[in-house]
Amino acid sequence: MLACEMAGIELRTLQRWKAIDGGIRPDGRPLAVRATPKHALSDAEHTQLLAVANEPRLLLCRQRALCRCWRMKGFYLARIHF
């Protein structure tokens, strides 16, 4: 318990980290399977967004300017947060 206090973690955290063989398990978060968010772009939308954003005439524009330009043309792919 003293070691947990020194490390600033709860005893339960240490118990979760311990492997059956007594070692420490690696972090499993990067390998976790997560559901795709409902608002995620499809592969086709993502490809289209990248193609439009990388057009030579638009490469020097800021995001706000791109959004305004696309909105005026009636082109809407995704909401961009600033």
N, C-alpha and C. Protein backbone atom coordinates (compact mmCIF):
# COMPACT_ATOMS: atom_id res chain seq x y z
N MET A 1 0.82 -1.19 0.00
CA MET A 1 0.00 0.00 0.00
C MET A 1 0.86 1.25 0.00
N LEU A 2 1.97 1.24 0.73
CA LEU A 2 2.86 2.39 0.78
C LEU A 2 3.40 2.73 -0.60
N ALA A 3 3.74 1.71 -1.39
CA ALA A 3 4.25 1.94 -2.74
C ALA A 3 3.19 2.63 -3.61
N CYS A 4 1.94 2.21 -3.46
CA CYS A 4 0.85 2.84 -4.22
C CYS A 4 0.71 4.31 -3.85
N GLU A 5 0.79 4.60 -2.56
CA GLU A 5 0.70 5.99 -2.10
C GLU A 5 1.85 6.82 -2.67
N MET A 6 3.04 6.24 -2.67
CA MET A 6 4.20 6.96 -3.19
C MET A 6 4.06 7.21 -4.69
N ALA A 7 3.47 6.25 -5.40
CA ALA A 7 3.30 6.39 -6.85
C ALA A 7 2.08 7.24 -7.19
N GLY A 8 1.21 7.48 -6.19
CA GLY A 8 0.03 8.29 -6.43
C GLY A 8 -1.09 7.54 -7.13
N ILE A 9 -1.15 6.22 -6.92
CA ILE A 9 -2.20 5.42 -7.53
C ILE A 9 -2.95 4.65 -6.46
N GLU A 10 -4.15 4.23 -6.79
CA GLU A 10 -4.95 3.43 -5.88
C GLU A 10 -4.48 1.97 -5.93
N LEU A 11 -4.73 1.24 -4.87
CA LEU A 11 -4.39 -0.18 -4.82
C LEU A 11 -5.12 -0.94 -5.93
N ARG A 12 -6.37 -0.58 -6.18
CA ARG A 12 -7.16 -1.26 -7.23
C ARG A 12 -6.52 -1.06 -8.60
N THR A 13 -5.94 0.08 -8.86
CA THR A 13 -5.25 0.33 -10.13
C THR A 13 -4.08 -0.64 -10.29
N LEU A 14 -3.29 -0.79 -9.25
CA LEU A 14 -2.16 -1.73 -9.30
C LEU A 14 -2.65 -3.15 -9.54
N GLN A 15 -3.75 -3.51 -8.89
CA GLN A 15 -4.30 -4.86 -9.08
C GLN A 15 -4.73 -5.07 -10.53
N ARG A 16 -5.31 -4.07 -11.16
CA ARG A 16 -5.72 -4.20 -12.57
C ARG A 16 -4.51 -4.34 -13.49
N TRP A 17 -3.42 -3.67 -13.13
CA TRP A 17 -2.23 -3.69 -13.96
C TRP A 17 -1.45 -4.98 -13.86
N LYS A 18 -1.60 -5.70 -12.76
CA LYS A 18 -0.80 -6.91 -12.55
C LYS A 18 -1.25 -8.05 -13.46
N ALA A 19 -0.30 -8.71 -14.07
CA ALA A 19 -0.58 -9.87 -14.91
C ALA A 19 -0.60 -11.12 -14.03
N ILE A 20 -1.10 -12.20 -14.59
CA ILE A 20 -1.20 -13.46 -13.84
C ILE A 20 0.17 -13.95 -13.40
N ASP A 21 1.19 -13.73 -14.22
CA ASP A 21 2.55 -14.21 -13.89
C ASP A 21 3.27 -13.30 -12.89
N GLY A 22 2.60 -12.25 -12.42
CA GLY A 22 3.21 -11.36 -11.43
C GLY A 22 3.82 -10.11 -12.03
N GLY A 23 4.01 -10.10 -13.34
CA GLY A 23 4.55 -8.92 -14.00
C GLY A 23 3.48 -7.85 -14.17
N ILE A 24 3.81 -6.83 -14.90
CA ILE A 24 2.87 -5.75 -15.18
C ILE A 24 2.38 -5.87 -16.62
N ARG A 25 1.05 -5.82 -16.79
CA ARG A 25 0.48 -5.92 -18.14
C ARG A 25 0.71 -4.62 -18.90
N PRO A 26 0.92 -4.71 -20.20
CA PRO A 26 1.07 -3.48 -20.99
C PRO A 26 -0.27 -2.76 -21.10
N ASP A 27 -0.20 -1.50 -21.44
CA ASP A 27 -1.40 -0.68 -21.61
C ASP A 27 -2.24 -1.23 -22.76
N GLY A 28 -3.47 -1.61 -22.50
CA GLY A 28 -4.32 -2.20 -23.53
C GLY A 28 -5.16 -1.18 -24.28
N ARG A 29 -5.12 0.10 -23.86
CA ARG A 29 -5.98 1.10 -24.50
C ARG A 29 -5.73 1.28 -25.99
N PRO A 30 -4.49 1.31 -26.47
CA PRO A 30 -4.29 1.48 -27.91
C PRO A 30 -4.88 0.34 -28.74
N LEU A 31 -5.02 -0.83 -28.15
CA LEU A 31 -5.51 -2.00 -28.87
C LEU A 31 -7.01 -2.22 -28.67
N ALA A 32 -7.65 -1.37 -27.87
CA ALA A 32 -9.07 -1.54 -27.57
C ALA A 32 -9.92 -1.35 -28.83
N VAL A 33 -10.94 -2.17 -28.97
CA VAL A 33 -11.87 -2.05 -30.09
C VAL A 33 -12.96 -1.08 -29.66
N ARG A 34 -13.12 0.00 -30.42
CA ARG A 34 -14.11 1.02 -30.09
C ARG A 34 -15.12 1.14 -31.23
N ALA A 35 -16.33 1.46 -30.87
CA ALA A 35 -17.37 1.66 -31.87
C ALA A 35 -17.09 2.95 -32.65
N THR A 36 -17.45 2.95 -33.91
CA THR A 36 -17.30 4.15 -34.73
C THR A 36 -18.37 5.16 -34.32
N PRO A 37 -18.00 6.42 -34.10
CA PRO A 37 -19.00 7.43 -33.73
C PRO A 37 -20.05 7.59 -34.84
N LYS A 38 -21.27 7.92 -34.43
CA LYS A 38 -22.36 8.07 -35.40
C LYS A 38 -22.09 9.19 -36.40
N HIS A 39 -21.37 10.21 -35.97
CA HIS A 39 -21.12 11.37 -36.83
C HIS A 39 -19.83 11.26 -37.64
N ALA A 40 -19.18 10.11 -37.61
CA ALA A 40 -17.92 9.94 -38.34
C ALA A 40 -18.16 9.97 -39.85
N LEU A 41 -17.19 10.51 -40.57
CA LEU A 41 -17.28 10.54 -42.03
C LEU A 41 -17.09 9.13 -42.59
N SER A 42 -17.79 8.85 -43.66
CA SER A 42 -17.57 7.58 -44.35
C SER A 42 -16.24 7.68 -45.09
N ASP A 43 -15.73 6.57 -45.57
CA ASP A 43 -14.47 6.60 -46.32
C ASP A 43 -14.58 7.47 -47.56
N ALA A 44 -15.73 7.41 -48.23
CA ALA A 44 -15.94 8.21 -49.44
C ALA A 44 -15.96 9.70 -49.09
N GLU A 45 -16.65 10.08 -48.00
CA GLU A 45 -16.70 11.48 -47.58
C GLU A 45 -15.32 11.98 -47.17
N HIS A 46 -14.57 11.14 -46.47
CA HIS A 46 -13.23 11.51 -46.04
C HIS A 46 -12.33 11.75 -47.25
N THR A 47 -12.40 10.87 -48.22
CA THR A 47 -11.61 11.01 -49.45
C THR A 47 -11.99 12.28 -50.19
N GLN A 48 -13.30 12.55 -50.28
CA GLN A 48 -13.78 13.75 -50.98
C GLN A 48 -13.32 15.01 -50.25
N LEU A 49 -13.40 15.02 -48.94
CA LEU A 49 -12.97 16.17 -48.15
C LEU A 49 -11.48 16.45 -48.36
N LEU A 50 -10.66 15.41 -48.34
CA LEU A 50 -9.22 15.60 -48.55
C LEU A 50 -8.92 16.09 -49.97
N ALA A 51 -9.65 15.56 -50.95
CA ALA A 51 -9.43 15.98 -52.33
C ALA A 51 -9.74 17.47 -52.51
N VAL A 52 -10.85 17.91 -51.93
CA VAL A 52 -11.23 19.32 -52.05
C VAL A 52 -10.27 20.21 -51.26
N ALA A 53 -9.93 19.81 -50.05
CA ALA A 53 -9.06 20.63 -49.21
C ALA A 53 -7.65 20.75 -49.78
N ASN A 54 -7.23 19.78 -50.59
CA ASN A 54 -5.88 19.81 -51.15
C ASN A 54 -5.82 20.36 -52.58
N GLU A 55 -6.91 20.98 -53.02
CA GLU A 55 -6.87 21.61 -54.34
C GLU A 55 -5.83 22.72 -54.32
N PRO A 56 -5.03 22.85 -55.36
CA PRO A 56 -3.95 23.85 -55.37
C PRO A 56 -4.43 25.27 -55.06
N ARG A 57 -5.61 25.66 -55.55
CA ARG A 57 -6.07 27.03 -55.34
C ARG A 57 -6.49 27.28 -53.90
N LEU A 58 -6.69 26.22 -53.12
CA LEU A 58 -7.15 26.38 -51.75
C LEU A 58 -6.07 26.10 -50.70
N LEU A 59 -4.87 25.72 -51.13
CA LEU A 59 -3.83 25.31 -50.18
C LEU A 59 -3.41 26.42 -49.22
N LEU A 60 -3.49 27.68 -49.64
CA LEU A 60 -3.04 28.77 -48.78
C LEU A 60 -4.17 29.39 -47.97
N CYS A 61 -5.39 28.88 -48.11
CA CYS A 61 -6.53 29.42 -47.37
C CYS A 61 -6.56 28.87 -45.94
N ARG A 62 -7.07 29.70 -45.04
CA ARG A 62 -7.29 29.24 -43.67
C ARG A 62 -8.58 28.44 -43.63
N GLN A 63 -8.79 27.68 -42.54
CA GLN A 63 -9.98 26.84 -42.43
C GLN A 63 -11.26 27.65 -42.51
N ARG A 64 -11.33 28.77 -41.82
CA ARG A 64 -12.54 29.59 -41.84
C ARG A 64 -12.86 30.05 -43.26
N ALA A 65 -11.85 30.45 -43.99
CA ALA A 65 -12.06 30.90 -45.36
C ALA A 65 -12.55 29.76 -46.24
N LEU A 66 -12.00 28.57 -46.05
CA LEU A 66 -12.46 27.41 -46.81
C LEU A 66 -13.92 27.12 -46.54
N CYS A 67 -14.29 27.13 -45.26
CA CYS A 67 -15.69 26.83 -44.89
C CYS A 67 -16.63 27.84 -45.52
N ARG A 68 -16.28 29.13 -45.44
CA ARG A 68 -17.12 30.17 -46.03
C ARG A 68 -17.25 29.97 -47.54
N CYS A 69 -16.14 29.70 -48.17
CA CYS A 69 -16.13 29.50 -49.63
C CYS A 69 -17.00 28.31 -50.00
N TRP A 70 -16.86 27.21 -49.31
CA TRP A 70 -17.64 26.01 -49.61
C TRP A 70 -19.12 26.22 -49.34
N ARG A 71 -19.42 26.94 -48.22
CA ARG A 71 -20.83 27.19 -47.88
C ARG A 71 -21.50 28.03 -48.95
N MET A 72 -20.81 29.04 -49.45
CA MET A 72 -21.39 29.92 -50.48
C MET A 72 -21.69 29.13 -51.75
N LYS A 73 -20.92 28.10 -52.01
CA LYS A 73 -21.14 27.28 -53.20
C LYS A 73 -22.13 26.14 -52.94
N GLY A 74 -22.64 26.05 -51.69
CA GLY A 74 -23.58 24.99 -51.36
C GLY A 74 -22.90 23.64 -51.14
N PHE A 75 -21.61 23.67 -50.87
CA PHE A 75 -20.83 22.45 -50.68
C PHE A 75 -20.63 22.22 -49.19
N TYR A 76 -21.17 21.14 -48.66
CA TYR A 76 -21.04 20.86 -47.23
C TYR A 76 -20.65 19.40 -47.05
N LEU A 77 -19.50 19.17 -46.45
CA LEU A 77 -19.06 17.79 -46.18
C LEU A 77 -19.01 17.52 -44.69
N ALA A 78 -18.46 18.44 -43.94
CA ALA A 78 -18.25 18.19 -42.52
C ALA A 78 -18.20 19.50 -41.77
N ARG A 79 -18.54 19.42 -40.51
CA ARG A 79 -18.43 20.60 -39.66
C ARG A 79 -17.01 20.62 -39.12
N ILE A 80 -16.37 21.77 -39.21
CA ILE A 80 -15.01 21.92 -38.70
C ILE A 80 -15.08 22.80 -37.46
N HIS A 81 -14.54 22.33 -36.35
CA HIS A 81 -14.54 23.10 -35.11
C HIS A 81 -13.25 23.88 -35.00
N PHE A 82 -13.34 25.10 -34.55
CA PHE A 82 -12.17 25.95 -34.39
C PHE A 82 -11.88 26.15 -32.93
